[in-house]
N, C-alpha and C. Protein backbone atom coordinates (compact mmCIF):
# COMPACT_ATOMS: atom_id res chain seq x y z
N MET A 1 98.75 -101.98 -170.65
CA MET A 1 98.09 -103.08 -170.99
C MET A 1 98.42 -104.11 -170.18
N GLU A 2 97.29 -105.25 -169.84
CA GLU A 2 97.48 -106.33 -168.87
C GLU A 2 97.47 -107.57 -169.70
N SER A 3 98.54 -108.32 -169.16
CA SER A 3 98.65 -109.47 -169.87
C SER A 3 97.63 -110.71 -169.14
N LEU A 4 97.53 -111.66 -170.02
CA LEU A 4 96.73 -112.76 -169.41
C LEU A 4 97.69 -113.91 -168.52
N ASN A 5 98.98 -113.59 -168.78
CA ASN A 5 99.84 -114.36 -167.94
C ASN A 5 100.74 -113.72 -167.05
N PRO A 6 100.61 -114.03 -165.82
CA PRO A 6 101.36 -113.15 -164.74
C PRO A 6 103.02 -113.25 -165.00
N ASN A 7 103.26 -114.24 -165.57
CA ASN A 7 104.57 -114.55 -165.78
C ASN A 7 104.96 -114.55 -167.31
N PHE A 8 104.45 -113.37 -168.08
CA PHE A 8 104.57 -113.09 -169.43
C PHE A 8 106.07 -112.84 -169.90
N LYS A 9 106.90 -112.35 -168.88
CA LYS A 9 108.14 -112.07 -169.25
C LYS A 9 109.02 -113.16 -169.60
N GLU A 10 108.85 -114.14 -168.48
CA GLU A 10 109.68 -115.49 -168.72
C GLU A 10 108.85 -116.24 -169.93
N TYR A 11 107.65 -116.18 -170.29
CA TYR A 11 107.11 -117.02 -171.40
C TYR A 11 107.63 -116.30 -172.74
N VAL A 12 107.77 -115.01 -172.74
CA VAL A 12 108.14 -114.31 -173.98
C VAL A 12 109.79 -114.59 -174.05
N GLU A 13 110.46 -114.72 -172.92
CA GLU A 13 111.83 -114.97 -173.13
C GLU A 13 111.95 -116.44 -173.56
N ASN A 14 111.21 -117.35 -173.19
CA ASN A 14 111.19 -118.69 -173.65
C ASN A 14 110.92 -118.86 -175.13
N ARG A 15 109.97 -118.12 -175.59
CA ARG A 15 109.45 -118.10 -176.97
C ARG A 15 110.84 -117.50 -177.69
N ILE A 16 111.27 -116.41 -177.37
CA ILE A 16 112.49 -115.87 -177.93
C ILE A 16 113.60 -116.86 -178.10
N LYS A 17 113.97 -117.41 -177.05
CA LYS A 17 114.93 -118.67 -176.99
C LYS A 17 114.75 -119.71 -178.09
N ALA A 18 113.42 -119.90 -178.34
CA ALA A 18 113.12 -121.11 -179.11
C ALA A 18 113.12 -120.47 -180.60
N ASN A 19 113.34 -119.29 -180.86
CA ASN A 19 113.29 -118.60 -182.14
C ASN A 19 114.85 -118.64 -182.77
N LYS A 20 114.89 -119.44 -183.81
CA LYS A 20 116.55 -119.78 -184.19
C LYS A 20 116.92 -118.61 -185.21
N PHE A 21 115.80 -117.87 -185.91
CA PHE A 21 116.21 -116.95 -186.90
C PHE A 21 116.91 -115.62 -186.33
N MET A 22 116.47 -115.29 -184.97
CA MET A 22 117.07 -114.11 -184.21
C MET A 22 118.37 -114.26 -184.12
N PRO A 23 118.92 -115.25 -183.55
CA PRO A 23 120.40 -115.15 -183.42
C PRO A 23 121.19 -115.19 -184.76
N PHE A 24 120.65 -115.78 -185.82
CA PHE A 24 121.20 -115.98 -187.07
C PHE A 24 121.32 -114.39 -187.70
N LEU A 25 120.51 -113.57 -187.51
CA LEU A 25 120.26 -112.27 -187.84
C LEU A 25 121.22 -111.32 -186.99
N GLY A 26 121.40 -111.59 -185.70
CA GLY A 26 121.94 -110.92 -184.74
C GLY A 26 121.16 -109.98 -184.23
N PHE A 27 119.78 -110.06 -184.22
CA PHE A 27 118.81 -109.21 -183.54
C PHE A 27 118.61 -109.37 -182.21
N LYS A 28 118.51 -108.48 -181.13
CA LYS A 28 118.31 -108.89 -179.82
C LYS A 28 117.29 -107.92 -179.32
N ILE A 29 116.48 -108.63 -178.56
CA ILE A 29 115.39 -108.18 -177.68
C ILE A 29 116.07 -107.31 -176.41
N THR A 30 115.67 -106.15 -176.33
CA THR A 30 116.07 -105.44 -175.20
C THR A 30 115.31 -105.09 -173.99
N GLN A 31 113.95 -105.02 -174.32
CA GLN A 31 112.89 -104.79 -173.48
C GLN A 31 111.63 -105.58 -173.66
N ILE A 32 110.97 -106.07 -172.71
CA ILE A 32 109.79 -106.76 -172.50
C ILE A 32 108.84 -106.21 -171.75
N GLU A 33 107.83 -105.81 -172.20
CA GLU A 33 106.60 -105.21 -171.33
C GLU A 33 105.36 -105.73 -171.94
N ALA A 34 104.26 -105.73 -170.94
CA ALA A 34 103.10 -106.23 -171.55
C ALA A 34 102.49 -105.33 -172.64
N GLY A 35 102.40 -105.99 -173.81
CA GLY A 35 102.05 -105.30 -175.03
C GLY A 35 103.00 -104.62 -175.92
N GLU A 36 104.29 -104.69 -175.41
CA GLU A 36 105.31 -103.99 -176.12
C GLU A 36 106.62 -104.52 -176.07
N ILE A 37 107.34 -104.58 -177.11
CA ILE A 37 108.61 -105.27 -177.21
C ILE A 37 109.59 -104.23 -177.92
N THR A 38 110.74 -104.15 -177.55
CA THR A 38 111.77 -103.23 -178.24
C THR A 38 113.08 -104.35 -178.47
N GLY A 39 113.88 -103.78 -179.45
CA GLY A 39 115.14 -104.62 -179.73
C GLY A 39 116.16 -103.78 -180.59
N GLU A 40 117.11 -104.27 -180.89
CA GLU A 40 118.29 -103.61 -181.73
C GLU A 40 119.14 -104.70 -182.41
N LEU A 41 119.56 -103.94 -183.58
CA LEU A 41 120.43 -104.82 -184.47
C LEU A 41 121.71 -103.96 -184.91
N GLU A 42 123.01 -104.38 -184.69
CA GLU A 42 124.02 -103.72 -185.12
C GLU A 42 124.29 -104.14 -186.42
N PHE A 43 124.37 -103.14 -187.32
CA PHE A 43 124.42 -103.22 -188.82
C PHE A 43 125.65 -104.00 -189.29
N LYS A 44 125.58 -105.21 -190.02
CA LYS A 44 126.72 -105.97 -190.58
C LYS A 44 126.47 -105.77 -192.01
N GLU A 45 127.67 -106.29 -192.61
CA GLU A 45 127.79 -106.06 -194.22
C GLU A 45 126.58 -107.22 -194.76
N HIS A 46 126.42 -108.34 -194.18
CA HIS A 46 125.47 -109.42 -194.52
C HIS A 46 124.02 -108.90 -194.45
N HIS A 47 123.84 -107.73 -193.70
CA HIS A 47 122.37 -107.40 -193.32
C HIS A 47 122.01 -106.30 -194.83
N SER A 48 123.13 -106.06 -195.60
CA SER A 48 122.83 -105.08 -196.75
C SER A 48 122.27 -105.65 -197.94
N GLN A 49 121.68 -104.77 -198.49
CA GLN A 49 121.17 -105.14 -199.87
C GLN A 49 122.13 -104.53 -200.92
N GLN A 50 121.67 -104.61 -202.27
CA GLN A 50 122.62 -104.41 -203.47
C GLN A 50 123.21 -102.84 -203.30
N ASN A 51 122.58 -102.02 -202.72
CA ASN A 51 123.16 -100.64 -202.63
C ASN A 51 123.80 -100.25 -201.38
N GLY A 52 123.92 -101.21 -200.19
CA GLY A 52 124.54 -101.10 -199.07
C GLY A 52 123.72 -100.79 -197.98
N TYR A 53 122.34 -100.57 -198.07
CA TYR A 53 121.47 -100.18 -197.08
C TYR A 53 120.91 -101.46 -196.35
N LEU A 54 120.31 -101.27 -195.34
CA LEU A 54 119.53 -102.45 -194.57
C LEU A 54 118.56 -103.10 -195.68
N HIS A 55 118.59 -104.30 -195.66
CA HIS A 55 117.72 -105.09 -196.57
C HIS A 55 116.43 -105.11 -196.14
N GLY A 56 115.52 -104.98 -197.02
CA GLY A 56 113.88 -104.91 -196.85
C GLY A 56 113.41 -106.18 -196.22
N GLY A 57 113.98 -107.21 -196.69
CA GLY A 57 113.62 -108.48 -195.90
C GLY A 57 114.09 -108.50 -194.35
N ILE A 58 115.17 -107.97 -194.03
CA ILE A 58 115.75 -108.03 -192.80
C ILE A 58 114.77 -107.06 -191.81
N THR A 59 114.49 -105.99 -192.50
CA THR A 59 113.36 -104.77 -191.92
C THR A 59 112.03 -105.75 -191.68
N SER A 60 111.68 -106.43 -192.82
CA SER A 60 110.42 -106.98 -192.54
C SER A 60 110.39 -108.14 -191.50
N ALA A 61 111.48 -108.95 -191.25
CA ALA A 61 111.61 -109.80 -190.31
C ALA A 61 111.54 -109.36 -188.90
N ILE A 62 112.35 -108.30 -188.79
CA ILE A 62 112.53 -107.78 -187.69
C ILE A 62 111.12 -107.10 -187.09
N LEU A 63 110.27 -106.50 -187.88
CA LEU A 63 109.10 -105.94 -187.53
C LEU A 63 108.22 -107.03 -187.21
N ASP A 64 108.27 -108.25 -187.75
CA ASP A 64 107.37 -109.32 -187.55
C ASP A 64 107.81 -109.86 -186.16
N MET A 65 108.95 -109.91 -185.73
CA MET A 65 109.50 -110.36 -184.63
C MET A 65 108.98 -109.57 -183.26
N VAL A 66 109.30 -108.19 -183.45
CA VAL A 66 108.72 -107.30 -182.39
C VAL A 66 107.31 -107.20 -182.33
N GLU A 67 106.40 -107.23 -183.49
CA GLU A 67 105.09 -107.33 -183.26
C GLU A 67 104.65 -108.88 -182.69
N GLY A 68 105.16 -109.78 -183.18
CA GLY A 68 104.72 -111.13 -182.71
C GLY A 68 105.03 -111.34 -181.25
N PHE A 69 106.23 -111.01 -180.87
CA PHE A 69 106.50 -111.03 -179.39
C PHE A 69 105.68 -110.16 -178.50
N ALA A 70 105.33 -109.07 -179.08
CA ALA A 70 104.27 -108.20 -178.38
C ALA A 70 103.08 -109.07 -178.17
N ALA A 71 102.67 -109.58 -179.14
CA ALA A 71 101.42 -110.34 -178.88
C ALA A 71 101.56 -111.51 -178.01
N TYR A 72 102.76 -112.25 -178.06
CA TYR A 72 103.08 -113.19 -177.05
C TYR A 72 102.91 -112.81 -175.57
N SER A 73 103.30 -111.50 -175.47
CA SER A 73 103.45 -110.87 -174.12
C SER A 73 101.98 -110.71 -173.49
N LEU A 74 100.75 -110.93 -174.27
CA LEU A 74 99.45 -110.79 -173.67
C LEU A 74 98.73 -111.93 -173.58
N VAL A 75 99.20 -113.07 -174.03
CA VAL A 75 98.52 -114.26 -174.24
C VAL A 75 98.68 -115.38 -172.89
N ARG A 76 98.03 -116.10 -172.79
CA ARG A 76 98.06 -117.08 -171.51
C ARG A 76 99.30 -117.98 -171.91
N ASP A 77 99.88 -118.60 -170.53
CA ASP A 77 101.09 -119.50 -170.86
C ASP A 77 100.60 -120.66 -171.53
N GLY A 78 101.45 -121.10 -172.66
CA GLY A 78 100.98 -122.22 -173.62
C GLY A 78 100.39 -121.74 -174.81
N ASP A 79 99.72 -120.66 -174.98
CA ASP A 79 99.07 -120.27 -176.13
C ASP A 79 100.15 -119.78 -177.36
N LEU A 80 99.85 -120.02 -178.37
CA LEU A 80 100.92 -119.74 -179.38
C LEU A 80 100.42 -118.54 -180.33
N VAL A 81 101.38 -117.99 -180.94
CA VAL A 81 100.75 -116.87 -181.69
C VAL A 81 101.54 -116.93 -183.07
N PHE A 82 100.73 -116.43 -184.35
CA PHE A 82 101.33 -116.69 -185.57
C PHE A 82 100.68 -115.39 -186.37
N THR A 83 101.56 -114.98 -187.22
CA THR A 83 101.27 -113.90 -188.28
C THR A 83 100.54 -114.36 -189.20
N VAL A 84 99.21 -113.73 -189.39
CA VAL A 84 98.26 -113.91 -190.46
C VAL A 84 98.27 -112.94 -191.50
N GLU A 85 98.88 -111.87 -191.05
CA GLU A 85 98.57 -110.56 -192.06
C GLU A 85 99.74 -109.60 -191.61
N ALA A 86 100.36 -109.10 -192.89
CA ALA A 86 101.27 -108.05 -192.41
C ALA A 86 101.35 -106.96 -193.53
N LYS A 87 101.78 -105.65 -193.18
CA LYS A 87 101.98 -104.52 -194.12
C LYS A 87 103.10 -103.92 -193.52
N ILE A 88 104.04 -103.53 -194.58
CA ILE A 88 105.22 -102.63 -194.17
C ILE A 88 105.16 -101.61 -195.19
N SER A 89 105.37 -100.38 -194.61
CA SER A 89 105.58 -99.11 -195.39
C SER A 89 107.13 -98.71 -195.10
N TYR A 90 107.86 -98.67 -196.38
CA TYR A 90 109.26 -98.31 -196.11
C TYR A 90 109.22 -96.88 -196.34
N LEU A 91 109.85 -96.17 -195.33
CA LEU A 91 109.91 -94.71 -195.45
C LEU A 91 111.14 -94.21 -195.76
N ASN A 92 112.28 -94.58 -195.32
CA ASN A 92 113.49 -94.10 -195.56
C ASN A 92 114.67 -95.15 -195.81
N ARG A 93 115.86 -94.82 -196.25
CA ARG A 93 116.77 -95.90 -196.40
C ARG A 93 117.41 -96.18 -195.02
N GLY A 94 117.71 -97.46 -195.07
CA GLY A 94 118.35 -97.83 -193.76
C GLY A 94 119.77 -97.62 -193.68
N MET A 95 120.29 -96.56 -193.38
CA MET A 95 121.68 -96.10 -193.46
C MET A 95 122.36 -96.08 -192.01
N GLY A 96 121.82 -96.57 -191.22
CA GLY A 96 122.49 -96.46 -189.79
C GLY A 96 123.56 -97.83 -189.60
N LYS A 97 124.30 -97.51 -188.37
CA LYS A 97 125.04 -98.51 -188.01
C LYS A 97 124.38 -99.29 -186.98
N LYS A 98 123.37 -98.83 -186.42
CA LYS A 98 122.71 -99.69 -185.28
C LYS A 98 121.08 -99.35 -185.57
N PHE A 99 120.39 -100.25 -185.56
CA PHE A 99 118.81 -100.11 -185.81
C PHE A 99 118.16 -100.67 -184.53
N PHE A 100 117.03 -99.92 -184.38
CA PHE A 100 116.15 -100.09 -183.29
C PHE A 100 114.92 -100.43 -183.66
N ALA A 101 114.11 -101.18 -182.95
CA ALA A 101 112.85 -101.71 -183.26
C ALA A 101 111.98 -101.81 -182.12
N LYS A 102 110.64 -101.50 -182.48
CA LYS A 102 109.52 -101.49 -181.36
C LYS A 102 108.30 -102.17 -181.83
N GLY A 103 107.70 -102.87 -181.28
CA GLY A 103 106.38 -103.50 -181.56
C GLY A 103 105.31 -103.34 -180.50
N TRP A 104 104.28 -103.25 -180.72
CA TRP A 104 103.19 -103.02 -179.67
C TRP A 104 101.78 -103.35 -180.18
N ILE A 105 100.87 -103.73 -179.32
CA ILE A 105 99.50 -104.06 -179.62
C ILE A 105 98.63 -102.86 -179.58
N ILE A 106 97.84 -102.80 -180.49
CA ILE A 106 97.00 -101.60 -180.73
C ILE A 106 95.55 -102.07 -180.04
N LYS A 107 95.22 -103.39 -180.42
CA LYS A 107 94.09 -103.90 -180.06
C LYS A 107 94.24 -105.46 -179.77
N PRO A 108 94.24 -105.74 -178.46
CA PRO A 108 94.14 -107.37 -178.37
C PRO A 108 92.75 -107.79 -178.26
N GLY A 109 92.88 -109.18 -178.84
CA GLY A 109 91.39 -109.73 -178.57
C GLY A 109 91.76 -111.42 -178.47
N LYS A 110 90.61 -111.93 -178.30
CA LYS A 110 90.66 -113.55 -177.95
C LYS A 110 91.48 -114.25 -178.96
N ARG A 111 91.11 -114.02 -180.13
CA ARG A 111 91.68 -114.79 -181.42
C ARG A 111 92.70 -114.15 -182.19
N PHE A 112 92.62 -112.63 -182.17
CA PHE A 112 93.47 -111.85 -182.98
C PHE A 112 94.03 -110.79 -182.11
N HIS A 113 95.26 -110.60 -182.49
CA HIS A 113 95.83 -109.25 -181.76
C HIS A 113 96.31 -108.29 -182.95
N PHE A 114 95.96 -107.14 -182.70
CA PHE A 114 96.36 -106.13 -184.02
C PHE A 114 97.63 -105.32 -183.47
N CYS A 115 98.61 -105.41 -184.16
CA CYS A 115 99.77 -104.81 -183.85
C CYS A 115 100.36 -103.70 -184.67
N GLU A 116 101.24 -102.86 -184.31
CA GLU A 116 102.03 -102.00 -185.13
C GLU A 116 103.59 -102.14 -184.70
N GLY A 117 104.37 -101.50 -185.44
CA GLY A 117 105.71 -101.45 -185.10
C GLY A 117 106.45 -100.48 -186.11
N GLU A 118 107.84 -100.27 -185.54
CA GLU A 118 108.46 -99.43 -186.48
C GLU A 118 110.14 -99.82 -186.13
N ILE A 119 110.77 -99.66 -187.22
CA ILE A 119 112.10 -99.80 -187.09
C ILE A 119 112.84 -98.33 -187.54
N TRP A 120 114.01 -98.03 -186.77
CA TRP A 120 114.60 -96.78 -187.13
C TRP A 120 116.17 -96.69 -186.57
N TYR A 121 116.76 -95.65 -187.08
CA TYR A 121 118.34 -95.39 -186.51
C TYR A 121 118.25 -94.11 -186.17
N GLU A 122 119.69 -93.67 -185.70
CA GLU A 122 119.75 -92.32 -185.31
C GLU A 122 120.66 -91.87 -186.09
N ASN A 123 120.67 -90.75 -186.73
CA ASN A 123 121.67 -90.27 -187.66
C ASN A 123 122.87 -89.50 -186.77
N GLU A 124 123.72 -89.01 -187.62
CA GLU A 124 125.20 -88.60 -186.83
C GLU A 124 124.72 -87.45 -185.87
N ILE A 125 123.45 -86.80 -186.05
CA ILE A 125 123.43 -85.69 -184.87
C ILE A 125 122.34 -86.22 -184.01
N GLY A 126 122.03 -87.63 -183.97
CA GLY A 126 121.23 -88.09 -183.05
C GLY A 126 119.62 -88.06 -183.31
N LYS A 127 119.43 -87.48 -184.53
CA LYS A 127 117.88 -87.50 -184.81
C LYS A 127 117.46 -88.99 -185.24
N LYS A 128 116.27 -89.30 -184.72
CA LYS A 128 115.59 -90.62 -185.17
C LYS A 128 115.15 -90.56 -186.57
N ILE A 129 115.54 -91.51 -187.39
CA ILE A 129 115.10 -91.72 -188.83
C ILE A 129 114.35 -92.80 -188.91
N ILE A 130 113.04 -92.90 -189.06
CA ILE A 130 112.19 -94.13 -189.19
C ILE A 130 112.53 -94.63 -190.48
N VAL A 131 112.99 -95.80 -190.60
CA VAL A 131 113.20 -96.71 -191.80
C VAL A 131 111.93 -97.24 -192.47
N ALA A 132 111.22 -97.85 -191.31
CA ALA A 132 109.71 -98.43 -191.95
C ALA A 132 108.79 -98.59 -190.42
N LYS A 133 107.71 -98.61 -191.10
CA LYS A 133 106.41 -98.80 -189.99
C LYS A 133 105.77 -100.15 -190.57
N GLY A 134 105.19 -100.80 -189.65
CA GLY A 134 104.49 -102.04 -190.12
C GLY A 134 103.20 -102.15 -189.25
N SER A 135 102.32 -102.89 -189.77
CA SER A 135 101.19 -103.46 -189.09
C SER A 135 100.87 -104.82 -189.27
N ALA A 136 100.42 -105.56 -188.18
CA ALA A 136 100.11 -106.98 -188.49
C ALA A 136 99.04 -107.48 -187.70
N THR A 137 98.46 -108.44 -188.21
CA THR A 137 97.42 -109.38 -187.43
C THR A 137 97.95 -110.60 -186.95
N MET A 138 98.03 -110.71 -185.57
CA MET A 138 98.61 -112.01 -185.14
C MET A 138 97.55 -112.83 -184.62
N ALA A 139 97.45 -114.29 -184.92
CA ALA A 139 96.40 -115.05 -184.68
C ALA A 139 96.95 -115.60 -183.38
N VAL A 140 95.99 -116.02 -182.34
CA VAL A 140 96.22 -116.51 -181.01
C VAL A 140 95.61 -117.95 -181.01
N LEU A 141 96.56 -118.92 -181.05
CA LEU A 141 96.08 -120.28 -181.12
C LEU A 141 96.04 -120.80 -179.65
N ALA A 142 94.86 -121.08 -178.79
CA ALA A 142 94.76 -121.36 -177.52
C ALA A 142 95.48 -122.72 -177.40
N LYS A 143 96.17 -122.82 -176.10
CA LYS A 143 96.68 -124.19 -175.72
C LYS A 143 95.95 -125.21 -175.73
N GLU A 144 94.58 -125.26 -175.43
CA GLU A 144 93.75 -126.31 -175.54
C GLU A 144 93.15 -126.82 -177.01
N ASP A 145 93.35 -125.72 -177.86
CA ASP A 145 93.17 -126.12 -179.24
C ASP A 145 94.38 -126.83 -179.98
N LEU A 146 95.55 -126.97 -179.32
CA LEU A 146 96.82 -127.43 -179.80
C LEU A 146 96.65 -129.07 -179.82
N LYS A 147 95.72 -129.65 -179.11
CA LYS A 147 95.64 -131.08 -179.00
C LYS A 147 95.15 -131.96 -180.15
């Protein structure tokens, strides 16, 4: 996939730095590619819900971030991205010590990018266990429309 911004990695990194919720969660982006973002989360007690598994709200937030930053990787410098629609399917309990997430663009557009994502962990024998899959529509607000 090709970005409209030749310096998309730097632009995404700056958008990540501006996100105050990510460090609060402890979620870290590990790879930035045009149209694709990956990251990871070390599971801590404060990430758990009442049964000790990864909280669904954390899962949702992480999917929103990887899908949203994937959208940022394709826009022009100065354009903004906002989530306008999201769907999450929770497939398995989040029982890992470390979670991985990936978001990608399935169809970029001038005003909307259609994204997908997933979050998973590896079990004790190294098998990938999908916790949730998501899809989102990200609106692109052009920099000239911000005035």
